[in-house]
Amino acid sequence: ICKGLALKKVTLKNAGTVGLWFGGF
């Protein structure tokens, strides 16, 4: 949620990057 607040434009690629980092770990 914090990342979404900070990103100027949310794209599927941005959301996927965050999801893969957190899901992977």
PDBML (XML) file of the C-alpha atoms, coordinates in Angstrom:
<?xml version="1.0" encoding="UTF-8" ?>
<PDBx:datablock datablockName="MODEL"
   xmlns:PDBx="http://pdbml.pdb.org/schema/pdbx-v50.xsd"
   xmlns:xsi="http://www.w3.org/2001/XMLSchema-instance"
   xsi:schemaLocation="http://pdbml.pdb.org/schema/pdbx-v50.xsd pdbx-v50.xsd">
   <PDBx:atom_siteCategory>
      <PDBx:atom_site id="1">
         <PDBx:B_iso_or_equiv>0.00</PDBx:B_iso_or_equiv>
         <PDBx:Cartn_x>0.000</PDBx:Cartn_x>
         <PDBx:Cartn_y>0.000</PDBx:Cartn_y>
         <PDBx:Cartn_z>0.000</PDBx:Cartn_z>
         <PDBx:auth_asym_id>A</PDBx:auth_asym_id>
         <PDBx:auth_atom_id>CA</PDBx:auth_atom_id>
         <PDBx:auth_comp_id>ILE</PDBx:auth_comp_id>
         <PDBx:auth_seq_id>1</PDBx:auth_seq_id>
         <PDBx:group_PDB>ATOM</PDBx:group_PDB>
         <PDBx:label_alt_id xsi:nil="true" />
         <PDBx:label_asym_id>A</PDBx:label_asym_id>
         <PDBx:label_atom_id>CA</PDBx:label_atom_id>
         <PDBx:label_comp_id>ILE</PDBx:label_comp_id>
         <PDBx:label_entity_id>1</PDBx:label_entity_id>
         <PDBx:label_seq_id>1</PDBx:label_seq_id>
         <PDBx:occupancy>1.00</PDBx:occupancy>
         <PDBx:pdbx_PDB_model_num>1</PDBx:pdbx_PDB_model_num>
         <PDBx:type_symbol>C</PDBx:type_symbol>
      </PDBx:atom_site>
      <PDBx:atom_site id="2">
         <PDBx:B_iso_or_equiv>0.00</PDBx:B_iso_or_equiv>
         <PDBx:Cartn_x>2.881</PDBx:Cartn_x>
         <PDBx:Cartn_y>2.317</PDBx:Cartn_y>
         <PDBx:Cartn_z>0.861</PDBx:Cartn_z>
         <PDBx:auth_asym_id>A</PDBx:auth_asym_id>
         <PDBx:auth_atom_id>CA</PDBx:auth_atom_id>
         <PDBx:auth_comp_id>CYS</PDBx:auth_comp_id>
         <PDBx:auth_seq_id>2</PDBx:auth_seq_id>
         <PDBx:group_PDB>ATOM</PDBx:group_PDB>
         <PDBx:label_alt_id xsi:nil="true" />
         <PDBx:label_asym_id>A</PDBx:label_asym_id>
         <PDBx:label_atom_id>CA</PDBx:label_atom_id>
         <PDBx:label_comp_id>CYS</PDBx:label_comp_id>
         <PDBx:label_entity_id>1</PDBx:label_entity_id>
         <PDBx:label_seq_id>2</PDBx:label_seq_id>
         <PDBx:occupancy>1.00</PDBx:occupancy>
         <PDBx:pdbx_PDB_model_num>1</PDBx:pdbx_PDB_model_num>
         <PDBx:type_symbol>C</PDBx:type_symbol>
      </PDBx:atom_site>
      <PDBx:atom_site id="3">
         <PDBx:B_iso_or_equiv>0.00</PDBx:B_iso_or_equiv>
         <PDBx:Cartn_x>4.498</PDBx:Cartn_x>
         <PDBx:Cartn_y>1.556</PDBx:Cartn_y>
         <PDBx:Cartn_z>-2.493</PDBx:Cartn_z>
         <PDBx:auth_asym_id>A</PDBx:auth_asym_id>
         <PDBx:auth_atom_id>CA</PDBx:auth_atom_id>
         <PDBx:auth_comp_id>LYS</PDBx:auth_comp_id>
         <PDBx:auth_seq_id>3</PDBx:auth_seq_id>
         <PDBx:group_PDB>ATOM</PDBx:group_PDB>
         <PDBx:label_alt_id xsi:nil="true" />
         <PDBx:label_asym_id>A</PDBx:label_asym_id>
         <PDBx:label_atom_id>CA</PDBx:label_atom_id>
         <PDBx:label_comp_id>LYS</PDBx:label_comp_id>
         <PDBx:label_entity_id>1</PDBx:label_entity_id>
         <PDBx:label_seq_id>3</PDBx:label_seq_id>
         <PDBx:occupancy>1.00</PDBx:occupancy>
         <PDBx:pdbx_PDB_model_num>1</PDBx:pdbx_PDB_model_num>
         <PDBx:type_symbol>C</PDBx:type_symbol>
      </PDBx:atom_site>
      <PDBx:atom_site id="4">
         <PDBx:B_iso_or_equiv>0.00</PDBx:B_iso_or_equiv>
         <PDBx:Cartn_x>1.230</PDBx:Cartn_x>
         <PDBx:Cartn_y>2.349</PDBx:Cartn_y>
         <PDBx:Cartn_z>-4.240</PDBx:Cartn_z>
         <PDBx:auth_asym_id>A</PDBx:auth_asym_id>
         <PDBx:auth_atom_id>CA</PDBx:auth_atom_id>
         <PDBx:auth_comp_id>GLY</PDBx:auth_comp_id>
         <PDBx:auth_seq_id>4</PDBx:auth_seq_id>
         <PDBx:group_PDB>ATOM</PDBx:group_PDB>
         <PDBx:label_alt_id xsi:nil="true" />
         <PDBx:label_asym_id>A</PDBx:label_asym_id>
         <PDBx:label_atom_id>CA</PDBx:label_atom_id>
         <PDBx:label_comp_id>GLY</PDBx:label_comp_id>
         <PDBx:label_entity_id>1</PDBx:label_entity_id>
         <PDBx:label_seq_id>4</PDBx:label_seq_id>
         <PDBx:occupancy>1.00</PDBx:occupancy>
         <PDBx:pdbx_PDB_model_num>1</PDBx:pdbx_PDB_model_num>
         <PDBx:type_symbol>C</PDBx:type_symbol>
      </PDBx:atom_site>
      <PDBx:atom_site id="5">
         <PDBx:B_iso_or_equiv>0.00</PDBx:B_iso_or_equiv>
         <PDBx:Cartn_x>1.072</PDBx:Cartn_x>
         <PDBx:Cartn_y>5.674</PDBx:Cartn_y>
         <PDBx:Cartn_z>-2.411</PDBx:Cartn_z>
         <PDBx:auth_asym_id>A</PDBx:auth_asym_id>
         <PDBx:auth_atom_id>CA</PDBx:auth_atom_id>
         <PDBx:auth_comp_id>LEU</PDBx:auth_comp_id>
         <PDBx:auth_seq_id>5</PDBx:auth_seq_id>
         <PDBx:group_PDB>ATOM</PDBx:group_PDB>
         <PDBx:label_alt_id xsi:nil="true" />
         <PDBx:label_asym_id>A</PDBx:label_asym_id>
         <PDBx:label_atom_id>CA</PDBx:label_atom_id>
         <PDBx:label_comp_id>LEU</PDBx:label_comp_id>
         <PDBx:label_entity_id>1</PDBx:label_entity_id>
         <PDBx:label_seq_id>5</PDBx:label_seq_id>
         <PDBx:occupancy>1.00</PDBx:occupancy>
         <PDBx:pdbx_PDB_model_num>1</PDBx:pdbx_PDB_model_num>
         <PDBx:type_symbol>C</PDBx:type_symbol>
      </PDBx:atom_site>
      <PDBx:atom_site id="6">
         <PDBx:B_iso_or_equiv>0.00</PDBx:B_iso_or_equiv>
         <PDBx:Cartn_x>4.578</PDBx:Cartn_x>
         <PDBx:Cartn_y>6.581</PDBx:Cartn_y>
         <PDBx:Cartn_z>-3.521</PDBx:Cartn_z>
         <PDBx:auth_asym_id>A</PDBx:auth_asym_id>
         <PDBx:auth_atom_id>CA</PDBx:auth_atom_id>
         <PDBx:auth_comp_id>ALA</PDBx:auth_comp_id>
         <PDBx:auth_seq_id>6</PDBx:auth_seq_id>
         <PDBx:group_PDB>ATOM</PDBx:group_PDB>
         <PDBx:label_alt_id xsi:nil="true" />
         <PDBx:label_asym_id>A</PDBx:label_asym_id>
         <PDBx:label_atom_id>CA</PDBx:label_atom_id>
         <PDBx:label_comp_id>ALA</PDBx:label_comp_id>
         <PDBx:label_entity_id>1</PDBx:label_entity_id>
         <PDBx:label_seq_id>6</PDBx:label_seq_id>
         <PDBx:occupancy>1.00</PDBx:occupancy>
         <PDBx:pdbx_PDB_model_num>1</PDBx:pdbx_PDB_model_num>
         <PDBx:type_symbol>C</PDBx:type_symbol>
      </PDBx:atom_site>
      <PDBx:atom_site id="7">
         <PDBx:B_iso_or_equiv>0.00</PDBx:B_iso_or_equiv>
         <PDBx:Cartn_x>4.443</PDBx:Cartn_x>
         <PDBx:Cartn_y>5.539</PDBx:Cartn_y>
         <PDBx:Cartn_z>-7.167</PDBx:Cartn_z>
         <PDBx:auth_asym_id>A</PDBx:auth_asym_id>
         <PDBx:auth_atom_id>CA</PDBx:auth_atom_id>
         <PDBx:auth_comp_id>LEU</PDBx:auth_comp_id>
         <PDBx:auth_seq_id>7</PDBx:auth_seq_id>
         <PDBx:group_PDB>ATOM</PDBx:group_PDB>
         <PDBx:label_alt_id xsi:nil="true" />
         <PDBx:label_asym_id>A</PDBx:label_asym_id>
         <PDBx:label_atom_id>CA</PDBx:label_atom_id>
         <PDBx:label_comp_id>LEU</PDBx:label_comp_id>
         <PDBx:label_entity_id>1</PDBx:label_entity_id>
         <PDBx:label_seq_id>7</PDBx:label_seq_id>
         <PDBx:occupancy>1.00</PDBx:occupancy>
         <PDBx:pdbx_PDB_model_num>1</PDBx:pdbx_PDB_model_num>
         <PDBx:type_symbol>C</PDBx:type_symbol>
      </PDBx:atom_site>
      <PDBx:atom_site id="8">
         <PDBx:B_iso_or_equiv>0.00</PDBx:B_iso_or_equiv>
         <PDBx:Cartn_x>3.475</PDBx:Cartn_x>
         <PDBx:Cartn_y>8.317</PDBx:Cartn_y>
         <PDBx:Cartn_z>-9.555</PDBx:Cartn_z>
         <PDBx:auth_asym_id>A</PDBx:auth_asym_id>
         <PDBx:auth_atom_id>CA</PDBx:auth_atom_id>
         <PDBx:auth_comp_id>LYS</PDBx:auth_comp_id>
         <PDBx:auth_seq_id>8</PDBx:auth_seq_id>
         <PDBx:group_PDB>ATOM</PDBx:group_PDB>
         <PDBx:label_alt_id xsi:nil="true" />
         <PDBx:label_asym_id>A</PDBx:label_asym_id>
         <PDBx:label_atom_id>CA</PDBx:label_atom_id>
         <PDBx:label_comp_id>LYS</PDBx:label_comp_id>
         <PDBx:label_entity_id>1</PDBx:label_entity_id>
         <PDBx:label_seq_id>8</PDBx:label_seq_id>
         <PDBx:occupancy>1.00</PDBx:occupancy>
         <PDBx:pdbx_PDB_model_num>1</PDBx:pdbx_PDB_model_num>
         <PDBx:type_symbol>C</PDBx:type_symbol>
      </PDBx:atom_site>
      <PDBx:atom_site id="9">
         <PDBx:B_iso_or_equiv>0.00</PDBx:B_iso_or_equiv>
         <PDBx:Cartn_x>1.806</PDBx:Cartn_x>
         <PDBx:Cartn_y>5.885</PDBx:Cartn_y>
         <PDBx:Cartn_z>-11.921</PDBx:Cartn_z>
         <PDBx:auth_asym_id>A</PDBx:auth_asym_id>
         <PDBx:auth_atom_id>CA</PDBx:auth_atom_id>
         <PDBx:auth_comp_id>LYS</PDBx:auth_comp_id>
         <PDBx:auth_seq_id>9</PDBx:auth_seq_id>
         <PDBx:group_PDB>ATOM</PDBx:group_PDB>
         <PDBx:label_alt_id xsi:nil="true" />
         <PDBx:label_asym_id>A</PDBx:label_asym_id>
         <PDBx:label_atom_id>CA</PDBx:label_atom_id>
         <PDBx:label_comp_id>LYS</PDBx:label_comp_id>
         <PDBx:label_entity_id>1</PDBx:label_entity_id>
         <PDBx:label_seq_id>9</PDBx:label_seq_id>
         <PDBx:occupancy>1.00</PDBx:occupancy>
         <PDBx:pdbx_PDB_model_num>1</PDBx:pdbx_PDB_model_num>
         <PDBx:type_symbol>C</PDBx:type_symbol>
      </PDBx:atom_site>
      <PDBx:atom_site id="10">
         <PDBx:B_iso_or_equiv>0.00</PDBx:B_iso_or_equiv>
         <PDBx:Cartn_x>0.780</PDBx:Cartn_x>
         <PDBx:Cartn_y>2.359</PDBx:Cartn_y>
         <PDBx:Cartn_z>-11.014</PDBx:Cartn_z>
         <PDBx:auth_asym_id>A</PDBx:auth_asym_id>
         <PDBx:auth_atom_id>CA</PDBx:auth_atom_id>
         <PDBx:auth_comp_id>VAL</PDBx:auth_comp_id>
         <PDBx:auth_seq_id>10</PDBx:auth_seq_id>
         <PDBx:group_PDB>ATOM</PDBx:group_PDB>
         <PDBx:label_alt_id xsi:nil="true" />
         <PDBx:label_asym_id>A</PDBx:label_asym_id>
         <PDBx:label_atom_id>CA</PDBx:label_atom_id>
         <PDBx:label_comp_id>VAL</PDBx:label_comp_id>
         <PDBx:label_entity_id>1</PDBx:label_entity_id>
         <PDBx:label_seq_id>10</PDBx:label_seq_id>
         <PDBx:occupancy>1.00</PDBx:occupancy>
         <PDBx:pdbx_PDB_model_num>1</PDBx:pdbx_PDB_model_num>
         <PDBx:type_symbol>C</PDBx:type_symbol>
      </PDBx:atom_site>
      <PDBx:atom_site id="11">
         <PDBx:B_iso_or_equiv>0.00</PDBx:B_iso_or_equiv>
         <PDBx:Cartn_x>1.125</PDBx:Cartn_x>
         <PDBx:Cartn_y>-0.120</PDBx:Cartn_y>
         <PDBx:Cartn_z>-13.855</PDBx:Cartn_z>
         <PDBx:auth_asym_id>A</PDBx:auth_asym_id>
         <PDBx:auth_atom_id>CA</PDBx:auth_atom_id>
         <PDBx:auth_comp_id>THR</PDBx:auth_comp_id>
         <PDBx:auth_seq_id>11</PDBx:auth_seq_id>
         <PDBx:group_PDB>ATOM</PDBx:group_PDB>
         <PDBx:label_alt_id xsi:nil="true" />
         <PDBx:label_asym_id>A</PDBx:label_asym_id>
         <PDBx:label_atom_id>CA</PDBx:label_atom_id>
         <PDBx:label_comp_id>THR</PDBx:label_comp_id>
         <PDBx:label_entity_id>1</PDBx:label_entity_id>
         <PDBx:label_seq_id>11</PDBx:label_seq_id>
         <PDBx:occupancy>1.00</PDBx:occupancy>
         <PDBx:pdbx_PDB_model_num>1</PDBx:pdbx_PDB_model_num>
         <PDBx:type_symbol>C</PDBx:type_symbol>
      </PDBx:atom_site>
      <PDBx:atom_site id="12">
         <PDBx:B_iso_or_equiv>0.00</PDBx:B_iso_or_equiv>
         <PDBx:Cartn_x>0.690</PDBx:Cartn_x>
         <PDBx:Cartn_y>-3.876</PDBx:Cartn_y>
         <PDBx:Cartn_z>-13.969</PDBx:Cartn_z>
         <PDBx:auth_asym_id>A</PDBx:auth_asym_id>
         <PDBx:auth_atom_id>CA</PDBx:auth_atom_id>
         <PDBx:auth_comp_id>LEU</PDBx:auth_comp_id>
         <PDBx:auth_seq_id>12</PDBx:auth_seq_id>
         <PDBx:group_PDB>ATOM</PDBx:group_PDB>
         <PDBx:label_alt_id xsi:nil="true" />
         <PDBx:label_asym_id>A</PDBx:label_asym_id>
         <PDBx:label_atom_id>CA</PDBx:label_atom_id>
         <PDBx:label_comp_id>LEU</PDBx:label_comp_id>
         <PDBx:label_entity_id>1</PDBx:label_entity_id>
         <PDBx:label_seq_id>12</PDBx:label_seq_id>
         <PDBx:occupancy>1.00</PDBx:occupancy>
         <PDBx:pdbx_PDB_model_num>1</PDBx:pdbx_PDB_model_num>
         <PDBx:type_symbol>C</PDBx:type_symbol>
      </PDBx:atom_site>
      <PDBx:atom_site id="13">
         <PDBx:B_iso_or_equiv>0.00</PDBx:B_iso_or_equiv>
         <PDBx:Cartn_x>4.477</PDBx:Cartn_x>
         <PDBx:Cartn_y>-4.137</PDBx:Cartn_y>
         <PDBx:Cartn_z>-14.297</PDBx:Cartn_z>
         <PDBx:auth_asym_id>A</PDBx:auth_asym_id>
         <PDBx:auth_atom_id>CA</PDBx:auth_atom_id>
         <PDBx:auth_comp_id>LYS</PDBx:auth_comp_id>
         <PDBx:auth_seq_id>13</PDBx:auth_seq_id>
         <PDBx:group_PDB>ATOM</PDBx:group_PDB>
         <PDBx:label_alt_id xsi:nil="true" />
         <PDBx:label_asym_id>A</PDBx:label_asym_id>
         <PDBx:label_atom_id>CA</PDBx:label_atom_id>
         <PDBx:label_comp_id>LYS</PDBx:label_comp_id>
         <PDBx:label_entity_id>1</PDBx:label_entity_id>
         <PDBx:label_seq_id>13</PDBx:label_seq_id>
         <PDBx:occupancy>1.00</PDBx:occupancy>
         <PDBx:pdbx_PDB_model_num>1</PDBx:pdbx_PDB_model_num>
         <PDBx:type_symbol>C</PDBx:type_symbol>
      </PDBx:atom_site>
      <PDBx:atom_site id="14">
         <PDBx:B_iso_or_equiv>0.00</PDBx:B_iso_or_equiv>
         <PDBx:Cartn_x>5.026</PDBx:Cartn_x>
         <PDBx:Cartn_y>-2.076</PDBx:Cartn_y>
         <PDBx:Cartn_z>-11.119</PDBx:Cartn_z>
         <PDBx:auth_asym_id>A</PDBx:auth_asym_id>
         <PDBx:auth_atom_id>CA</PDBx:auth_atom_id>
         <PDBx:auth_comp_id>ASN</PDBx:auth_comp_id>
         <PDBx:auth_seq_id>14</PDBx:auth_seq_id>
         <PDBx:group_PDB>ATOM</PDBx:group_PDB>
         <PDBx:label_alt_id xsi:nil="true" />
         <PDBx:label_asym_id>A</PDBx:label_asym_id>
         <PDBx:label_atom_id>CA</PDBx:label_atom_id>
         <PDBx:label_comp_id>ASN</PDBx:label_comp_id>
         <PDBx:label_entity_id>1</PDBx:label_entity_id>
         <PDBx:label_seq_id>14</PDBx:label_seq_id>
         <PDBx:occupancy>1.00</PDBx:occupancy>
         <PDBx:pdbx_PDB_model_num>1</PDBx:pdbx_PDB_model_num>
         <PDBx:type_symbol>C</PDBx:type_symbol>
      </PDBx:atom_site>
      <PDBx:atom_site id="15">
         <PDBx:B_iso_or_equiv>0.00</PDBx:B_iso_or_equiv>
         <PDBx:Cartn_x>2.453</PDBx:Cartn_x>
         <PDBx:Cartn_y>-4.070</PDBx:Cartn_y>
         <PDBx:Cartn_z>-9.164</PDBx:Cartn_z>
         <PDBx:auth_asym_id>A</PDBx:auth_asym_id>
         <PDBx:auth_atom_id>CA</PDBx:auth_atom_id>
         <PDBx:auth_comp_id>ALA</PDBx:auth_comp_id>
         <PDBx:auth_seq_id>15</PDBx:auth_seq_id>
         <PDBx:group_PDB>ATOM</PDBx:group_PDB>
         <PDBx:label_alt_id xsi:nil="true" />
         <PDBx:label_asym_id>A</PDBx:label_asym_id>
         <PDBx:label_atom_id>CA</PDBx:label_atom_id>
         <PDBx:label_comp_id>ALA</PDBx:label_comp_id>
         <PDBx:label_entity_id>1</PDBx:label_entity_id>
         <PDBx:label_seq_id>15</PDBx:label_seq_id>
         <PDBx:occupancy>1.00</PDBx:occupancy>
         <PDBx:pdbx_PDB_model_num>1</PDBx:pdbx_PDB_model_num>
         <PDBx:type_symbol>C</PDBx:type_symbol>
      </PDBx:atom_site>
      <PDBx:atom_site id="16">
         <PDBx:B_iso_or_equiv>0.00</PDBx:B_iso_or_equiv>
         <PDBx:Cartn_x>3.924</PDBx:Cartn_x>
         <PDBx:Cartn_y>-7.330</PDBx:Cartn_y>
         <PDBx:Cartn_z>-10.517</PDBx:Cartn_z>
         <PDBx:auth_asym_id>A</PDBx:auth_asym_id>
         <PDBx:auth_atom_id>CA</PDBx:auth_atom_id>
         <PDBx:auth_comp_id>GLY</PDBx:auth_comp_id>
         <PDBx:auth_seq_id>16</PDBx:auth_seq_id>
         <PDBx:group_PDB>ATOM</PDBx:group_PDB>
         <PDBx:label_alt_id xsi:nil="true" />
         <PDBx:label_asym_id>A</PDBx:label_asym_id>
         <PDBx:label_atom_id>CA</PDBx:label_atom_id>
         <PDBx:label_comp_id>GLY</PDBx:label_comp_id>
         <PDBx:label_entity_id>1</PDBx:label_entity_id>
         <PDBx:label_seq_id>16</PDBx:label_seq_id>
         <PDBx:occupancy>1.00</PDBx:occupancy>
         <PDBx:pdbx_PDB_model_num>1</PDBx:pdbx_PDB_model_num>
         <PDBx:type_symbol>C</PDBx:type_symbol>
      </PDBx:atom_site>
      <PDBx:atom_site id="17">
         <PDBx:B_iso_or_equiv>0.00</PDBx:B_iso_or_equiv>
         <PDBx:Cartn_x>7.423</PDBx:Cartn_x>
         <PDBx:Cartn_y>-6.315</PDBx:Cartn_y>
         <PDBx:Cartn_z>-9.469</PDBx:Cartn_z>
         <PDBx:auth_asym_id>A</PDBx:auth_asym_id>
         <PDBx:auth_atom_id>CA</PDBx:auth_atom_id>
         <PDBx:auth_comp_id>THR</PDBx:auth_comp_id>
         <PDBx:auth_seq_id>17</PDBx:auth_seq_id>
         <PDBx:group_PDB>ATOM</PDBx:group_PDB>
         <PDBx:label_alt_id xsi:nil="true" />
         <PDBx:label_asym_id>A</PDBx:label_asym_id>
         <PDBx:label_atom_id>CA</PDBx:label_atom_id>
         <PDBx:label_comp_id>THR</PDBx:label_comp_id>
         <PDBx:label_entity_id>1</PDBx:label_entity_id>
         <PDBx:label_seq_id>17</PDBx:label_seq_id>
         <PDBx:occupancy>1.00</PDBx:occupancy>
         <PDBx:pdbx_PDB_model_num>1</PDBx:pdbx_PDB_model_num>
         <PDBx:type_symbol>C</PDBx:type_symbol>
      </PDBx:atom_site>
      <PDBx:atom_site id="18">
         <PDBx:B_iso_or_equiv>0.00</PDBx:B_iso_or_equiv>
         <PDBx:Cartn_x>6.289</PDBx:Cartn_x>
         <PDBx:Cartn_y>-5.650</PDBx:Cartn_y>
         <PDBx:Cartn_z>-5.905</PDBx:Cartn_z>
         <PDBx:auth_asym_id>A</PDBx:auth_asym_id>
         <PDBx:auth_atom_id>CA</PDBx:auth_atom_id>
         <PDBx:auth_comp_id>VAL</PDBx:auth_comp_id>
         <PDBx:auth_seq_id>18</PDBx:auth_seq_id>
         <PDBx:group_PDB>ATOM</PDBx:group_PDB>
         <PDBx:label_alt_id xsi:nil="true" />
         <PDBx:label_asym_id>A</PDBx:label_asym_id>
         <PDBx:label_atom_id>CA</PDBx:label_atom_id>
         <PDBx:label_comp_id>VAL</PDBx:label_comp_id>
         <PDBx:label_entity_id>1</PDBx:label_entity_id>
         <PDBx:label_seq_id>18</PDBx:label_seq_id>
         <PDBx:occupancy>1.00</PDBx:occupancy>
         <PDBx:pdbx_PDB_model_num>1</PDBx:pdbx_PDB_model_num>
         <PDBx:type_symbol>C</PDBx:type_symbol>
      </PDBx:atom_site>
      <PDBx:atom_site id="19">
         <PDBx:B_iso_or_equiv>0.00</PDBx:B_iso_or_equiv>
         <PDBx:Cartn_x>4.219</PDBx:Cartn_x>
         <PDBx:Cartn_y>-8.853</PDBx:Cartn_y>
         <PDBx:Cartn_z>-5.873</PDBx:Cartn_z>
         <PDBx:auth_asym_id>A</PDBx:auth_asym_id>
         <PDBx:auth_atom_id>CA</PDBx:auth_atom_id>
         <PDBx:auth_comp_id>GLY</PDBx:auth_comp_id>
         <PDBx:auth_seq_id>19</PDBx:auth_seq_id>
         <PDBx:group_PDB>ATOM</PDBx:group_PDB>
         <PDBx:label_alt_id xsi:nil="true" />
         <PDBx:label_asym_id>A</PDBx:label_asym_id>
         <PDBx:label_atom_id>CA</PDBx:label_atom_id>
         <PDBx:label_comp_id>GLY</PDBx:label_comp_id>
         <PDBx:label_entity_id>1</PDBx:label_entity_id>
         <PDBx:label_seq_id>19</PDBx:label_seq_id>
         <PDBx:occupancy>1.00</PDBx:occupancy>
         <PDBx:pdbx_PDB_model_num>1</PDBx:pdbx_PDB_model_num>
         <PDBx:type_symbol>C</PDBx:type_symbol>
      </PDBx:atom_site>
      <PDBx:atom_site id="20">
         <PDBx:B_iso_or_equiv>0.00</PDBx:B_iso_or_equiv>
         <PDBx:Cartn_x>7.097</PDBx:Cartn_x>
         <PDBx:Cartn_y>-11.007</PDBx:Cartn_y>
         <PDBx:Cartn_z>-7.105</PDBx:Cartn_z>
         <PDBx:auth_asym_id>A</PDBx:auth_asym_id>
         <PDBx:auth_atom_id>CA</PDBx:auth_atom_id>
         <PDBx:auth_comp_id>LEU</PDBx:auth_comp_id>
         <PDBx:auth_seq_id>20</PDBx:auth_seq_id>
         <PDBx:group_PDB>ATOM</PDBx:group_PDB>
         <PDBx:label_alt_id xsi:nil="true" />
         <PDBx:label_asym_id>A</PDBx:label_asym_id>
         <PDBx:label_atom_id>CA</PDBx:label_atom_id>
         <PDBx:label_comp_id>LEU</PDBx:label_comp_id>
         <PDBx:label_entity_id>1</PDBx:label_entity_id>
         <PDBx:label_seq_id>20</PDBx:label_seq_id>
         <PDBx:occupancy>1.00</PDBx:occupancy>
         <PDBx:pdbx_PDB_model_num>1</PDBx:pdbx_PDB_model_num>
         <PDBx:type_symbol>C</PDBx:type_symbol>
      </PDBx:atom_site>
      <PDBx:atom_site id="21">
         <PDBx:B_iso_or_equiv>0.00</PDBx:B_iso_or_equiv>
         <PDBx:Cartn_x>9.566</PDBx:Cartn_x>
         <PDBx:Cartn_y>-9.563</PDBx:Cartn_y>
         <PDBx:Cartn_z>-4.593</PDBx:Cartn_z>
         <PDBx:auth_asym_id>A</PDBx:auth_asym_id>
         <PDBx:auth_atom_id>CA</PDBx:auth_atom_id>
         <PDBx:auth_comp_id>TRP</PDBx:auth_comp_id>
         <PDBx:auth_seq_id>21</PDBx:auth_seq_id>
         <PDBx:group_PDB>ATOM</PDBx:group_PDB>
         <PDBx:label_alt_id xsi:nil="true" />
         <PDBx:label_asym_id>A</PDBx:label_asym_id>
         <PDBx:label_atom_id>CA</PDBx:label_atom_id>
         <PDBx:label_comp_id>TRP</PDBx:label_comp_id>
         <PDBx:label_entity_id>1</PDBx:label_entity_id>
         <PDBx:label_seq_id>21</PDBx:label_seq_id>
         <PDBx:occupancy>1.00</PDBx:occupancy>
         <PDBx:pdbx_PDB_model_num>1</PDBx:pdbx_PDB_model_num>
         <PDBx:type_symbol>C</PDBx:type_symbol>
      </PDBx:atom_site>
      <PDBx:atom_site id="22">
         <PDBx:B_iso_or_equiv>0.00</PDBx:B_iso_or_equiv>
         <PDBx:Cartn_x>7.256</PDBx:Cartn_x>
         <PDBx:Cartn_y>-10.034</PDBx:Cartn_y>
         <PDBx:Cartn_z>-1.633</PDBx:Cartn_z>
         <PDBx:auth_asym_id>A</PDBx:auth_asym_id>
         <PDBx:auth_atom_id>CA</PDBx:auth_atom_id>
         <PDBx:auth_comp_id>PHE</PDBx:auth_comp_id>
         <PDBx:auth_seq_id>22</PDBx:auth_seq_id>
         <PDBx:group_PDB>ATOM</PDBx:group_PDB>
         <PDBx:label_alt_id xsi:nil="true" />
         <PDBx:label_asym_id>A</PDBx:label_asym_id>
         <PDBx:label_atom_id>CA</PDBx:label_atom_id>
         <PDBx:label_comp_id>PHE</PDBx:label_comp_id>
         <PDBx:label_entity_id>1</PDBx:label_entity_id>
         <PDBx:label_seq_id>22</PDBx:label_seq_id>
         <PDBx:occupancy>1.00</PDBx:occupancy>
         <PDBx:pdbx_PDB_model_num>1</PDBx:pdbx_PDB_model_num>
         <PDBx:type_symbol>C</PDBx:type_symbol>
      </PDBx:atom_site>
      <PDBx:atom_site id="23">
         <PDBx:B_iso_or_equiv>0.00</PDBx:B_iso_or_equiv>
         <PDBx:Cartn_x>5.707</PDBx:Cartn_x>
         <PDBx:Cartn_y>-13.316</PDBx:Cartn_y>
         <PDBx:Cartn_z>-2.792</PDBx:Cartn_z>
         <PDBx:auth_asym_id>A</PDBx:auth_asym_id>
         <PDBx:auth_atom_id>CA</PDBx:auth_atom_id>
         <PDBx:auth_comp_id>GLY</PDBx:auth_comp_id>
         <PDBx:auth_seq_id>23</PDBx:auth_seq_id>
         <PDBx:group_PDB>ATOM</PDBx:group_PDB>
         <PDBx:label_alt_id xsi:nil="true" />
         <PDBx:label_asym_id>A</PDBx:label_asym_id>
         <PDBx:label_atom_id>CA</PDBx:label_atom_id>
         <PDBx:label_comp_id>GLY</PDBx:label_comp_id>
         <PDBx:label_entity_id>1</PDBx:label_entity_id>
         <PDBx:label_seq_id>23</PDBx:label_seq_id>
         <PDBx:occupancy>1.00</PDBx:occupancy>
         <PDBx:pdbx_PDB_model_num>1</PDBx:pdbx_PDB_model_num>
         <PDBx:type_symbol>C</PDBx:type_symbol>
      </PDBx:atom_site>
      <PDBx:atom_site id="24">
         <PDBx:B_iso_or_equiv>0.00</PDBx:B_iso_or_equiv>
         <PDBx:Cartn_x>9.124</PDBx:Cartn_x>
         <PDBx:Cartn_y>-14.777</PDBx:Cartn_y>
         <PDBx:Cartn_z>-3.613</PDBx:Cartn_z>
         <PDBx:auth_asym_id>A</PDBx:auth_asym_id>
         <PDBx:auth_atom_id>CA</PDBx:auth_atom_id>
         <PDBx:auth_comp_id>GLY</PDBx:auth_comp_id>
         <PDBx:auth_seq_id>24</PDBx:auth_seq_id>
         <PDBx:group_PDB>ATOM</PDBx:group_PDB>
         <PDBx:label_alt_id xsi:nil="true" />
         <PDBx:label_asym_id>A</PDBx:label_asym_id>
         <PDBx:label_atom_id>CA</PDBx:label_atom_id>
         <PDBx:label_comp_id>GLY</PDBx:label_comp_id>
         <PDBx:label_entity_id>1</PDBx:label_entity_id>
         <PDBx:label_seq_id>24</PDBx:label_seq_id>
         <PDBx:occupancy>1.00</PDBx:occupancy>
         <PDBx:pdbx_PDB_model_num>1</PDBx:pdbx_PDB_model_num>
         <PDBx:type_symbol>C</PDBx:type_symbol>
      </PDBx:atom_site>
      <PDBx:atom_site id="25">
         <PDBx:B_iso_or_equiv>0.00</PDBx:B_iso_or_equiv>
         <PDBx:Cartn_x>10.568</PDBx:Cartn_x>
         <PDBx:Cartn_y>-13.961</PDBx:Cartn_y>
         <PDBx:Cartn_z>-0.215</PDBx:Cartn_z>
         <PDBx:auth_asym_id>A</PDBx:auth_asym_id>
         <PDBx:auth_atom_id>CA</PDBx:auth_atom_id>
         <PDBx:auth_comp_id>PHE</PDBx:auth_comp_id>
         <PDBx:auth_seq_id>25</PDBx:auth_seq_id>
         <PDBx:group_PDB>ATOM</PDBx:group_PDB>
         <PDBx:label_alt_id xsi:nil="true" />
         <PDBx:label_asym_id>A</PDBx:label_asym_id>
         <PDBx:label_atom_id>CA</PDBx:label_atom_id>
         <PDBx:label_comp_id>PHE</PDBx:label_comp_id>
         <PDBx:label_entity_id>1</PDBx:label_entity_id>
         <PDBx:label_seq_id>25</PDBx:label_seq_id>
         <PDBx:occupancy>1.00</PDBx:occupancy>
         <PDBx:pdbx_PDB_model_num>1</PDBx:pdbx_PDB_model_num>
         <PDBx:type_symbol>C</PDBx:type_symbol>
      </PDBx:atom_site>
   </PDBx:atom_siteCategory>
</PDBx:datablock>
